[in-house]
Amino acid sequence: SSGINAEWPLRPGEQDGLIWLQKKISDKRIAVVQADKGGAILLVTPELLKKKTLEKLNNTELYQKLDCDPTKELHKELVELWTYAKSNNIVTAKEAKDVMGISNNDKADGSGPTNRLSTLPHYRPGNAYFYASPKIHKCDKKDLKPGVEPPIRLITALQDGVSKRSDVFLADKLLRQLERDFCQDLLLDTN
């Protein structure tokens, strides 16, 4: 399939251009990215993104290289916090189960809950990642032409990170009411 959406009819030249672009993307010769501000869509080479990303990552004033992936250790600490909160009635057993997958089943000897973790995949932490977003607003307009190398901003996407489920819980349980109480004048109802 050409990947062309039949609901958006294209003229023959536009279809050719789209097919050309799709081929360049699949051949990893072009990357389509959104600019940091203003919503512009840019066509850049993957090499440019890699070069600019490595410039940032290799800057020891900005980033520190880790010896190992801290995800498992952070998840373990988070589970310990949730288990403590459950044991001390800061959160309910249902909340601990729903958010972190902490069991409330009794131990065989009846001495209390097992606090075992669920093995269901949605309780396991995902991986946070980052992506490069060119900052074309930092360039002079006259310099915005093929070959320009704008600075980039690395944006960290944490929506699948280790604290995702806890973050959603805290936002719903605590922050939503604060938002209603103190920020109502800043919110717009767009319905």
N, C-alpha and C. Protein backbone atom coordinates (compact mmCIF):
# COMPACT_ATOMS: atom_id res chain seq x y z
N SER A 1 0.84 -1.19 0.00
CA SER A 1 0.00 0.00 0.00
C SER A 1 0.88 1.24 0.00
N SER A 2 0.39 2.29 -0.63
CA SER A 2 1.18 3.51 -0.74
C SER A 2 1.15 4.32 0.54
N GLY A 3 0.21 4.00 1.45
CA GLY A 3 0.12 4.75 2.69
C GLY A 3 -0.64 6.06 2.52
N ILE A 4 -1.20 6.29 1.34
CA ILE A 4 -1.93 7.53 1.07
C ILE A 4 -3.34 7.38 1.59
N ASN A 5 -3.81 8.35 2.33
CA ASN A 5 -5.14 8.36 2.91
C ASN A 5 -6.15 8.72 1.82
N ALA A 6 -7.06 7.80 1.53
CA ALA A 6 -8.04 8.02 0.46
C ALA A 6 -9.01 9.15 0.80
N GLU A 7 -9.14 9.49 2.07
CA GLU A 7 -10.05 10.57 2.46
C GLU A 7 -9.49 11.94 2.12
N TRP A 8 -8.20 12.03 1.88
CA TRP A 8 -7.57 13.29 1.52
C TRP A 8 -7.05 13.16 0.10
N PRO A 9 -7.89 13.42 -0.88
CA PRO A 9 -7.43 13.23 -2.26
C PRO A 9 -6.29 14.20 -2.59
N LEU A 10 -5.27 13.66 -3.23
CA LEU A 10 -4.12 14.47 -3.62
C LEU A 10 -4.06 14.55 -5.14
N ARG A 11 -3.59 15.66 -5.62
CA ARG A 11 -3.36 15.79 -7.06
C ARG A 11 -2.15 14.93 -7.41
N PRO A 12 -1.99 14.56 -8.69
CA PRO A 12 -0.89 13.67 -9.08
C PRO A 12 0.49 14.16 -8.61
N GLY A 13 0.82 15.42 -8.73
CA GLY A 13 2.12 15.92 -8.29
C GLY A 13 2.29 15.80 -6.78
N GLU A 14 1.20 16.03 -6.03
CA GLU A 14 1.24 15.90 -4.58
C GLU A 14 1.43 14.43 -4.18
N GLN A 15 0.74 13.53 -4.91
CA GLN A 15 0.91 12.10 -4.64
C GLN A 15 2.36 11.68 -4.87
N ASP A 16 2.95 12.15 -5.95
CA ASP A 16 4.34 11.83 -6.25
C ASP A 16 5.26 12.35 -5.14
N GLY A 17 4.99 13.57 -4.68
CA GLY A 17 5.80 14.16 -3.61
C GLY A 17 5.68 13.38 -2.31
N LEU A 18 4.45 12.95 -2.00
CA LEU A 18 4.24 12.18 -0.78
C LEU A 18 4.94 10.83 -0.87
N ILE A 19 4.84 10.17 -2.00
CA ILE A 19 5.52 8.88 -2.19
C ILE A 19 7.03 9.06 -2.08
N TRP A 20 7.56 10.14 -2.67
CA TRP A 20 8.99 10.43 -2.57
C TRP A 20 9.40 10.60 -1.11
N LEU A 21 8.61 11.41 -0.37
CA LEU A 21 8.91 11.66 1.04
C LEU A 21 8.85 10.37 1.85
N GLN A 22 7.83 9.55 1.65
CA GLN A 22 7.71 8.29 2.37
C GLN A 22 8.91 7.39 2.10
N LYS A 23 9.38 7.37 0.86
CA LYS A 23 10.54 6.54 0.50
C LYS A 23 11.79 7.06 1.21
N LYS A 24 12.00 8.39 1.20
CA LYS A 24 13.17 8.97 1.87
C LYS A 24 13.15 8.68 3.38
N ILE A 25 11.97 8.74 3.96
CA ILE A 25 11.84 8.45 5.40
C ILE A 25 12.14 6.98 5.66
N SER A 26 11.57 6.08 4.85
CA SER A 26 11.80 4.64 5.07
C SER A 26 13.25 4.26 4.81
N ASP A 27 13.93 5.00 3.92
CA ASP A 27 15.36 4.77 3.66
C ASP A 27 16.25 5.46 4.68
N LYS A 28 15.63 6.14 5.66
CA LYS A 28 16.35 6.88 6.72
C LYS A 28 17.27 7.96 6.14
N ARG A 29 16.78 8.63 5.09
CA ARG A 29 17.54 9.73 4.51
C ARG A 29 16.96 11.08 4.92
N ILE A 30 15.73 11.06 5.41
CA ILE A 30 15.07 12.27 5.89
C ILE A 30 14.34 11.93 7.19
N ALA A 31 14.37 12.86 8.12
CA ALA A 31 13.57 12.75 9.35
C ALA A 31 12.61 13.92 9.37
N VAL A 32 11.39 13.68 9.77
CA VAL A 32 10.38 14.72 9.89
C VAL A 32 10.22 15.00 11.37
N VAL A 33 10.52 16.23 11.79
CA VAL A 33 10.46 16.59 13.20
C VAL A 33 9.73 17.91 13.37
N GLN A 34 9.21 18.11 14.56
CA GLN A 34 8.54 19.35 14.88
C GLN A 34 9.53 20.29 15.57
N ALA A 35 9.49 21.56 15.18
CA ALA A 35 10.36 22.55 15.81
C ALA A 35 9.97 22.75 17.27
N ASP A 36 10.91 23.23 18.06
CA ASP A 36 10.71 23.43 19.48
C ASP A 36 9.58 24.40 19.78
N LYS A 37 9.48 25.47 19.02
CA LYS A 37 8.43 26.47 19.25
C LYS A 37 7.79 26.82 17.92
N GLY A 38 6.53 27.16 17.96
CA GLY A 38 5.84 27.62 16.77
C GLY A 38 5.18 26.54 15.94
N GLY A 39 5.49 25.28 16.20
CA GLY A 39 4.80 24.19 15.52
C GLY A 39 5.27 23.90 14.11
N ALA A 40 6.35 24.51 13.65
CA ALA A 40 6.84 24.25 12.29
C ALA A 40 7.27 22.79 12.17
N ILE A 41 7.05 22.24 11.00
CA ILE A 41 7.49 20.88 10.70
C ILE A 41 8.73 21.00 9.81
N LEU A 42 9.77 20.27 10.19
CA LEU A 42 11.05 20.38 9.49
C LEU A 42 11.45 19.04 8.88
N LEU A 43 12.09 19.11 7.73
CA LEU A 43 12.71 17.94 7.12
C LEU A 43 14.20 18.10 7.32
N VAL A 44 14.80 17.17 8.04
CA VAL A 44 16.23 17.22 8.33
C VAL A 44 16.84 15.84 8.08
N THR A 45 18.14 15.80 8.06
CA THR A 45 18.79 14.50 7.91
C THR A 45 18.90 13.85 9.29
N PRO A 46 18.75 12.54 9.36
CA PRO A 46 18.94 11.86 10.64
C PRO A 46 20.35 12.10 11.20
N GLU A 47 21.33 12.28 10.32
CA GLU A 47 22.70 12.55 10.77
C GLU A 47 22.78 13.85 11.55
N LEU A 48 22.03 14.87 11.10
CA LEU A 48 22.02 16.15 11.82
C LEU A 48 21.46 15.96 13.23
N LEU A 49 20.35 15.24 13.34
CA LEU A 49 19.76 15.00 14.66
C LEU A 49 20.73 14.24 15.56
N LYS A 50 21.40 13.23 14.99
CA LYS A 50 22.35 12.45 15.78
C LYS A 50 23.52 13.32 16.22
N LYS A 51 24.07 14.11 15.30
CA LYS A 51 25.20 14.99 15.62
C LYS A 51 24.84 15.97 16.73
N LYS A 52 23.71 16.64 16.58
CA LYS A 52 23.30 17.65 17.57
C LYS A 52 22.95 17.00 18.91
N THR A 53 22.36 15.80 18.86
CA THR A 53 22.03 15.09 20.10
C THR A 53 23.29 14.70 20.84
N LEU A 54 24.27 14.16 20.12
CA LEU A 54 25.53 13.76 20.77
C LEU A 54 26.27 14.96 21.33
N GLU A 55 26.18 16.12 20.66
CA GLU A 55 26.79 17.34 21.21
C GLU A 55 26.21 17.64 22.59
N LYS A 56 24.90 17.49 22.72
CA LYS A 56 24.26 17.73 24.02
C LYS A 56 24.65 16.66 25.04
N LEU A 57 24.52 15.40 24.64
CA LEU A 57 24.76 14.31 25.59
C LEU A 57 26.21 14.25 26.05
N ASN A 58 27.14 14.66 25.20
CA ASN A 58 28.55 14.63 25.57
C ASN A 58 29.00 15.86 26.35
N ASN A 59 28.09 16.79 26.56
CA ASN A 59 28.39 17.98 27.35
C ASN A 59 28.20 17.63 28.83
N THR A 60 29.32 17.48 29.54
CA THR A 60 29.25 17.05 30.94
C THR A 60 28.65 18.10 31.87
N GLU A 61 28.49 19.33 31.38
CA GLU A 61 27.79 20.33 32.20
C GLU A 61 26.28 20.12 32.13
N LEU A 62 25.81 19.38 31.13
CA LEU A 62 24.39 19.12 30.98
C LEU A 62 23.97 17.72 31.43
N TYR A 63 24.82 16.75 31.12
CA TYR A 63 24.45 15.35 31.37
C TYR A 63 25.59 14.60 32.03
N GLN A 64 25.22 13.62 32.83
CA GLN A 64 26.19 12.74 33.47
C GLN A 64 25.88 11.32 32.99
N LYS A 65 26.89 10.64 32.50
CA LYS A 65 26.70 9.27 32.04
C LYS A 65 26.53 8.35 33.24
N LEU A 66 25.52 7.52 33.18
CA LEU A 66 25.25 6.57 34.26
C LEU A 66 25.97 5.26 33.99
N ASP A 67 26.36 4.58 35.06
CA ASP A 67 27.02 3.29 34.92
C ASP A 67 26.05 2.18 34.56
N CYS A 68 24.79 2.36 34.97
CA CYS A 68 23.78 1.34 34.69
C CYS A 68 22.41 1.99 34.61
N ASP A 69 21.46 1.26 34.08
CA ASP A 69 20.08 1.73 33.97
C ASP A 69 19.45 1.70 35.37
N PRO A 70 19.00 2.83 35.89
CA PRO A 70 18.46 2.87 37.26
C PRO A 70 16.99 2.47 37.37
N THR A 71 16.36 2.07 36.27
CA THR A 71 14.92 1.83 36.27
C THR A 71 14.50 0.79 37.31
N LYS A 72 15.17 -0.35 37.36
CA LYS A 72 14.77 -1.41 38.31
C LYS A 72 14.89 -0.94 39.75
N GLU A 73 15.99 -0.25 40.06
CA GLU A 73 16.20 0.23 41.43
C GLU A 73 15.17 1.30 41.79
N LEU A 74 14.88 2.19 40.86
CA LEU A 74 13.86 3.22 41.12
C LEU A 74 12.49 2.59 41.31
N HIS A 75 12.18 1.58 40.51
CA HIS A 75 10.90 0.89 40.65
C HIS A 75 10.81 0.20 42.00
N LYS A 76 11.90 -0.42 42.42
CA LYS A 76 11.94 -1.09 43.73
C LYS A 76 11.67 -0.08 44.85
N GLU A 77 12.32 1.08 44.78
CA GLU A 77 12.10 2.12 45.79
C GLU A 77 10.66 2.61 45.79
N LEU A 78 10.09 2.75 44.61
CA LEU A 78 8.71 3.21 44.50
C LEU A 78 7.75 2.18 45.09
N VAL A 79 8.01 0.90 44.84
CA VAL A 79 7.19 -0.17 45.42
C VAL A 79 7.30 -0.13 46.95
N GLU A 80 8.50 0.07 47.46
CA GLU A 80 8.68 0.16 48.92
C GLU A 80 7.89 1.33 49.50
N LEU A 81 7.89 2.45 48.82
CA LEU A 81 7.11 3.62 49.29
C LEU A 81 5.61 3.32 49.29
N TRP A 82 5.14 2.67 48.23
CA TRP A 82 3.72 2.34 48.14
C TRP A 82 3.34 1.29 49.20
N THR A 83 4.22 0.34 49.45
CA THR A 83 3.95 -0.69 50.46
C THR A 83 3.88 -0.04 51.84
N TYR A 84 4.81 0.87 52.11
CA TYR A 84 4.80 1.62 53.37
C TYR A 84 3.49 2.43 53.49
N ALA A 85 3.12 3.12 52.41
CA ALA A 85 1.91 3.93 52.43
C ALA A 85 0.67 3.07 52.66
N LYS A 86 0.64 1.91 52.05
CA LYS A 86 -0.49 0.98 52.25
C LYS A 86 -0.53 0.49 53.69
N SER A 87 0.63 0.10 54.20
CA SER A 87 0.71 -0.43 55.58
C SER A 87 0.35 0.61 56.62
N ASN A 88 0.55 1.88 56.30
CA ASN A 88 0.27 2.96 57.25
C ASN A 88 -1.00 3.75 56.91
N ASN A 89 -1.85 3.14 56.09
CA ASN A 89 -3.15 3.71 55.72
C ASN A 89 -3.07 5.10 55.08
N ILE A 90 -1.97 5.36 54.41
CA ILE A 90 -1.85 6.62 53.65
C ILE A 90 -2.57 6.46 52.32
N VAL A 91 -2.50 5.25 51.76
CA VAL A 91 -3.29 4.87 50.59
C VAL A 91 -4.02 3.59 50.94
N THR A 92 -5.10 3.32 50.24
CA THR A 92 -5.85 2.09 50.50
C THR A 92 -5.17 0.91 49.81
N ALA A 93 -5.55 -0.28 50.26
CA ALA A 93 -5.03 -1.50 49.62
C ALA A 93 -5.45 -1.54 48.15
N LYS A 94 -6.65 -1.08 47.87
CA LYS A 94 -7.14 -1.05 46.48
C LYS A 94 -6.30 -0.09 45.64
N GLU A 95 -5.98 1.08 46.19
CA GLU A 95 -5.15 2.04 45.44
C GLU A 95 -3.76 1.45 45.18
N ALA A 96 -3.17 0.80 46.18
CA ALA A 96 -1.84 0.20 46.00
C ALA A 96 -1.90 -0.90 44.94
N LYS A 97 -2.98 -1.65 44.92
CA LYS A 97 -3.16 -2.71 43.92
C LYS A 97 -3.37 -2.10 42.54
N ASP A 98 -4.27 -1.12 42.44
CA ASP A 98 -4.60 -0.53 41.15
C ASP A 98 -3.41 0.21 40.53
N VAL A 99 -2.64 0.90 41.35
CA VAL A 99 -1.55 1.73 40.83
C VAL A 99 -0.28 0.92 40.62
N MET A 100 0.13 0.16 41.61
CA MET A 100 1.43 -0.52 41.55
C MET A 100 1.35 -2.04 41.43
N GLY A 101 0.15 -2.59 41.57
CA GLY A 101 0.01 -4.03 41.48
C GLY A 101 0.45 -4.76 42.73
N ILE A 102 0.37 -4.07 43.88
CA ILE A 102 0.78 -4.67 45.16
C ILE A 102 -0.39 -5.48 45.72
N SER A 103 -0.15 -6.76 45.93
CA SER A 103 -1.20 -7.67 46.39
C SER A 103 -1.58 -7.38 47.84
N ASN A 104 -2.85 -7.65 48.14
CA ASN A 104 -3.31 -7.56 49.52
C ASN A 104 -3.69 -8.94 50.04
N ASN A 105 -3.29 -9.99 49.31
CA ASN A 105 -3.59 -11.36 49.75
C ASN A 105 -2.84 -11.65 51.04
N ASP A 106 -3.49 -12.41 51.91
CA ASP A 106 -2.87 -12.76 53.19
C ASP A 106 -1.78 -13.80 53.00
N LYS A 107 -0.77 -13.71 53.85
CA LYS A 107 0.26 -14.75 53.90
C LYS A 107 -0.39 -16.04 54.37
N ALA A 108 0.24 -17.17 54.06
CA ALA A 108 -0.31 -18.48 54.43
C ALA A 108 -0.51 -18.61 55.94
N ASP A 109 0.36 -17.98 56.71
CA ASP A 109 0.24 -18.09 58.18
C ASP A 109 -0.71 -17.05 58.76
N GLY A 110 -1.32 -16.21 57.88
CA GLY A 110 -2.29 -15.21 58.34
C GLY A 110 -1.68 -14.02 59.03
N SER A 111 -0.36 -13.84 58.93
CA SER A 111 0.31 -12.76 59.67
C SER A 111 0.27 -11.41 58.95
N GLY A 112 -0.44 -11.31 57.86
CA GLY A 112 -0.54 -10.03 57.15
C GLY A 112 -0.48 -10.23 55.65
N PRO A 113 -0.56 -9.15 54.91
CA PRO A 113 -0.57 -9.27 53.45
C PRO A 113 0.82 -9.64 52.90
N THR A 114 0.80 -10.31 51.77
CA THR A 114 2.06 -10.72 51.13
C THR A 114 2.77 -9.53 50.49
N ASN A 115 2.00 -8.56 50.05
CA ASN A 115 2.54 -7.39 49.33
C ASN A 115 3.35 -7.79 48.10
N ARG A 116 3.00 -8.93 47.51
CA ARG A 116 3.67 -9.36 46.29
C ARG A 116 3.24 -8.47 45.13
N LEU A 117 4.15 -8.33 44.19
CA LEU A 117 3.85 -7.53 43.00
C LEU A 117 3.17 -8.38 41.94
N SER A 118 2.23 -7.77 41.26
CA SER A 118 1.59 -8.43 40.14
C SER A 118 2.62 -8.63 39.03
N THR A 119 2.44 -9.68 38.27
CA THR A 119 3.33 -9.92 37.13
C THR A 119 2.71 -9.41 35.83
N LEU A 120 1.55 -8.78 35.91
CA LEU A 120 0.93 -8.25 34.69
C LEU A 120 1.82 -7.16 34.09
N PRO A 121 1.96 -7.15 32.77
CA PRO A 121 2.91 -6.23 32.13
C PRO A 121 2.60 -4.75 32.34
N HIS A 122 1.33 -4.38 32.51
CA HIS A 122 1.05 -2.95 32.64
C HIS A 122 1.50 -2.36 33.98
N TYR A 123 1.91 -3.22 34.92
CA TYR A 123 2.47 -2.72 36.18
C TYR A 123 3.98 -2.52 36.10
N ARG A 124 4.61 -3.08 35.09
CA ARG A 124 6.06 -2.94 34.95
C ARG A 124 6.39 -1.57 34.38
N PRO A 125 7.47 -0.97 34.83
CA PRO A 125 7.81 0.34 34.28
C PRO A 125 8.24 0.24 32.83
N GLY A 126 7.84 1.23 32.05
CA GLY A 126 8.30 1.32 30.68
C GLY A 126 9.61 2.09 30.64
N ASN A 127 10.00 2.46 29.47
CA ASN A 127 11.24 3.21 29.32
C ASN A 127 10.95 4.65 28.94
N ALA A 128 11.53 5.55 29.70
CA ALA A 128 11.49 6.95 29.31
C ALA A 128 12.43 7.11 28.12
N TYR A 129 12.20 8.09 27.31
CA TYR A 129 13.06 8.34 26.16
C TYR A 129 13.11 9.84 25.91
N PHE A 130 13.99 10.25 25.03
CA PHE A 130 14.03 11.66 24.66
C PHE A 130 14.05 11.76 23.15
N TYR A 131 13.74 12.94 22.68
CA TYR A 131 13.82 13.20 21.24
C TYR A 131 14.32 14.63 21.04
N ALA A 132 14.91 14.83 19.89
CA ALA A 132 15.49 16.14 19.59
C ALA A 132 14.46 17.02 18.90
N SER A 133 14.41 18.26 19.33
CA SER A 133 13.51 19.24 18.73
C SER A 133 14.33 20.47 18.33
N PRO A 134 14.47 20.72 17.03
CA PRO A 134 15.28 21.86 16.58
C PRO A 134 14.69 23.20 17.04
N LYS A 135 15.58 24.10 17.43
CA LYS A 135 15.18 25.41 17.92
C LYS A 135 15.39 26.44 16.81
N ILE A 136 14.54 26.39 15.79
CA ILE A 136 14.72 27.30 14.66
C ILE A 136 14.44 28.75 15.03
N HIS A 137 13.72 28.96 16.13
CA HIS A 137 13.46 30.34 16.57
C HIS A 137 14.75 31.03 17.03
N LYS A 138 15.82 30.26 17.26
CA LYS A 138 17.11 30.84 17.64
C LYS A 138 17.94 31.26 16.43
N CYS A 139 17.46 30.92 15.22
CA CYS A 139 18.20 31.26 13.99
C CYS A 139 17.62 32.52 13.37
N ASP A 140 18.48 33.29 12.70
CA ASP A 140 17.99 34.41 11.91
C ASP A 140 17.20 33.86 10.73
N LYS A 141 16.12 34.57 10.36
CA LYS A 141 15.28 34.09 9.26
C LYS A 141 16.08 33.90 7.98
N LYS A 142 17.05 34.79 7.74
CA LYS A 142 17.85 34.69 6.51
C LYS A 142 18.71 33.42 6.49
N ASP A 143 18.95 32.82 7.66
CA ASP A 143 19.77 31.62 7.74
C ASP A 143 18.96 30.32 7.60
N LEU A 144 17.63 30.44 7.59
CA LEU A 144 16.79 29.25 7.51
C LEU A 144 16.69 28.77 6.07
N LYS A 145 17.65 27.96 5.71
CA LYS A 145 17.70 27.38 4.37
C LYS A 145 18.38 26.03 4.47
N PRO A 146 18.33 25.22 3.40
CA PRO A 146 18.96 23.90 3.47
C PRO A 146 20.41 23.99 3.94
N GLY A 147 20.76 23.10 4.83
CA GLY A 147 22.12 23.05 5.35
C GLY A 147 22.30 23.73 6.69
N VAL A 148 21.32 24.53 7.13
CA VAL A 148 21.44 25.19 8.42
C VAL A 148 21.43 24.13 9.53
N GLU A 149 22.19 24.37 10.58
CA GLU A 149 22.23 23.45 11.73
C GLU A 149 21.75 24.19 12.97
N PRO A 150 20.44 24.22 13.17
CA PRO A 150 19.92 24.93 14.34
C PRO A 150 20.28 24.18 15.62
N PRO A 151 20.35 24.90 16.74
CA PRO A 151 20.54 24.19 18.01
C PRO A 151 19.31 23.32 18.26
N ILE A 152 19.45 22.35 19.13
CA ILE A 152 18.31 21.49 19.46
C ILE A 152 18.03 21.53 20.95
N ARG A 153 16.85 21.12 21.27
CA ARG A 153 16.44 20.92 22.65
C ARG A 153 16.11 19.44 22.79
N LEU A 154 16.64 18.78 23.79
CA LEU A 154 16.28 17.39 24.05
C LEU A 154 15.06 17.38 24.96
N ILE A 155 14.02 16.77 24.48
CA ILE A 155 12.77 16.69 25.24
C ILE A 155 12.64 15.29 25.79
N THR A 156 12.48 15.19 27.10
CA THR A 156 12.35 13.89 27.75
C THR A 156 10.88 13.52 27.82
N ALA A 157 10.57 12.35 27.28
CA ALA A 157 9.20 11.85 27.31
C ALA A 157 9.11 10.80 28.42
N LEU A 158 8.37 11.14 29.46
CA LEU A 158 8.28 10.26 30.63
C LEU A 158 6.95 9.51 30.72
N GLN A 159 6.14 9.59 29.65
CA GLN A 159 4.82 8.99 29.76
C GLN A 159 4.85 7.49 29.99
N ASP A 160 5.96 6.83 29.71
CA ASP A 160 6.09 5.41 30.02
C ASP A 160 7.16 5.17 31.07
N GLY A 161 7.59 6.20 31.76
CA GLY A 161 8.67 6.08 32.73
C GLY A 161 8.25 5.33 33.98
N VAL A 162 9.21 5.16 34.86
CA VAL A 162 9.05 4.34 36.06
C VAL A 162 7.93 4.85 36.98
N SER A 163 7.70 6.14 37.02
CA SER A 163 6.70 6.68 37.95
C SER A 163 5.37 7.02 37.27
N LYS A 164 5.16 6.55 36.06
CA LYS A 164 3.96 6.90 35.30
C LYS A 164 2.67 6.67 36.08
N ARG A 165 2.48 5.48 36.58
CA ARG A 165 1.22 5.15 37.25
C ARG A 165 1.06 5.95 38.54
N SER A 166 2.15 6.16 39.27
CA SER A 166 2.08 6.98 40.49
C SER A 166 1.78 8.43 40.14
N ASP A 167 2.39 8.92 39.06
CA ASP A 167 2.15 10.30 38.64
C ASP A 167 0.68 10.54 38.33
N VAL A 168 0.07 9.60 37.61
CA VAL A 168 -1.35 9.73 37.26
C VAL A 168 -2.20 9.71 38.54
N PHE A 169 -1.88 8.80 39.45
CA PHE A 169 -2.61 8.72 40.71
C PHE A 169 -2.53 10.04 41.47
N LEU A 170 -1.31 10.57 41.63
CA LEU A 170 -1.14 11.82 42.37
C LEU A 170 -1.86 12.98 41.69
N ALA A 171 -1.80 13.03 40.38
CA ALA A 171 -2.48 14.10 39.67
C ALA A 171 -3.98 14.02 39.90
N ASP A 172 -4.54 12.82 39.83
CA ASP A 172 -5.99 12.66 40.04
C ASP A 172 -6.39 12.87 41.49
N LYS A 173 -5.60 12.33 42.39
CA LYS A 173 -5.98 12.35 43.82
C LYS A 173 -5.71 13.70 44.49
N LEU A 174 -4.60 14.33 44.16
CA LEU A 174 -4.19 15.54 44.88
C LEU A 174 -4.25 16.81 44.02
N LEU A 175 -3.68 16.74 42.86
CA LEU A 175 -3.53 17.96 42.07
C LEU A 175 -4.82 18.46 41.44
N ARG A 176 -5.72 17.56 41.09
CA ARG A 176 -6.96 17.99 40.45
C ARG A 176 -7.75 18.93 41.35
N GLN A 177 -7.84 18.60 42.64
CA GLN A 177 -8.57 19.47 43.55
C GLN A 177 -7.84 20.81 43.73
N LEU A 178 -6.51 20.78 43.83
CA LEU A 178 -5.76 22.03 43.92
C LEU A 178 -5.98 22.89 42.68
N GLU A 179 -6.03 22.23 41.55
CA GLU A 179 -6.29 22.94 40.29
C GLU A 179 -7.64 23.63 40.35
N ARG A 180 -8.65 22.91 40.81
CA ARG A 180 -10.00 23.50 40.91
C ARG A 180 -10.02 24.65 41.92
N ASP A 181 -9.34 24.45 43.05
CA ASP A 181 -9.39 25.45 44.12
C ASP A 181 -8.59 26.72 43.81
N PHE A 182 -7.44 26.57 43.16
CA PHE A 182 -6.54 27.71 43.04
C PHE A 182 -6.25 28.16 41.62
N CYS A 183 -6.63 27.39 40.64
CA CYS A 183 -6.26 27.74 39.27
C CYS A 183 -7.46 27.89 38.35
N GLN A 184 -8.65 27.89 38.89
CA GLN A 184 -9.86 27.93 38.06
C GLN A 184 -9.83 29.12 37.09
N ASP A 185 -9.34 30.25 37.55
CA ASP A 185 -9.33 31.44 36.69
C ASP A 185 -8.32 31.32 35.54
N LEU A 186 -7.41 30.34 35.63
CA LEU A 186 -6.41 30.16 34.58
C LEU A 186 -6.83 29.12 33.55
N LEU A 187 -7.90 28.37 33.84
CA LEU A 187 -8.34 27.29 32.97
C LEU A 187 -9.43 27.77 32.03
N LEU A 188 -9.38 27.30 30.80
CA LEU A 188 -10.40 27.62 29.83
C LEU A 188 -11.20 26.37 29.51
N ASP A 189 -12.52 26.48 29.48
CA ASP A 189 -13.36 25.37 29.07
C ASP A 189 -13.53 25.48 27.56
N THR A 190 -12.97 24.55 26.83
CA THR A 190 -13.02 24.62 25.37
C THR A 190 -14.11 23.75 24.79
N ASN A 191 -14.99 23.22 25.66
CA ASN A 191 -16.09 22.39 25.15
C ASN A 191 -17.18 23.23 24.53
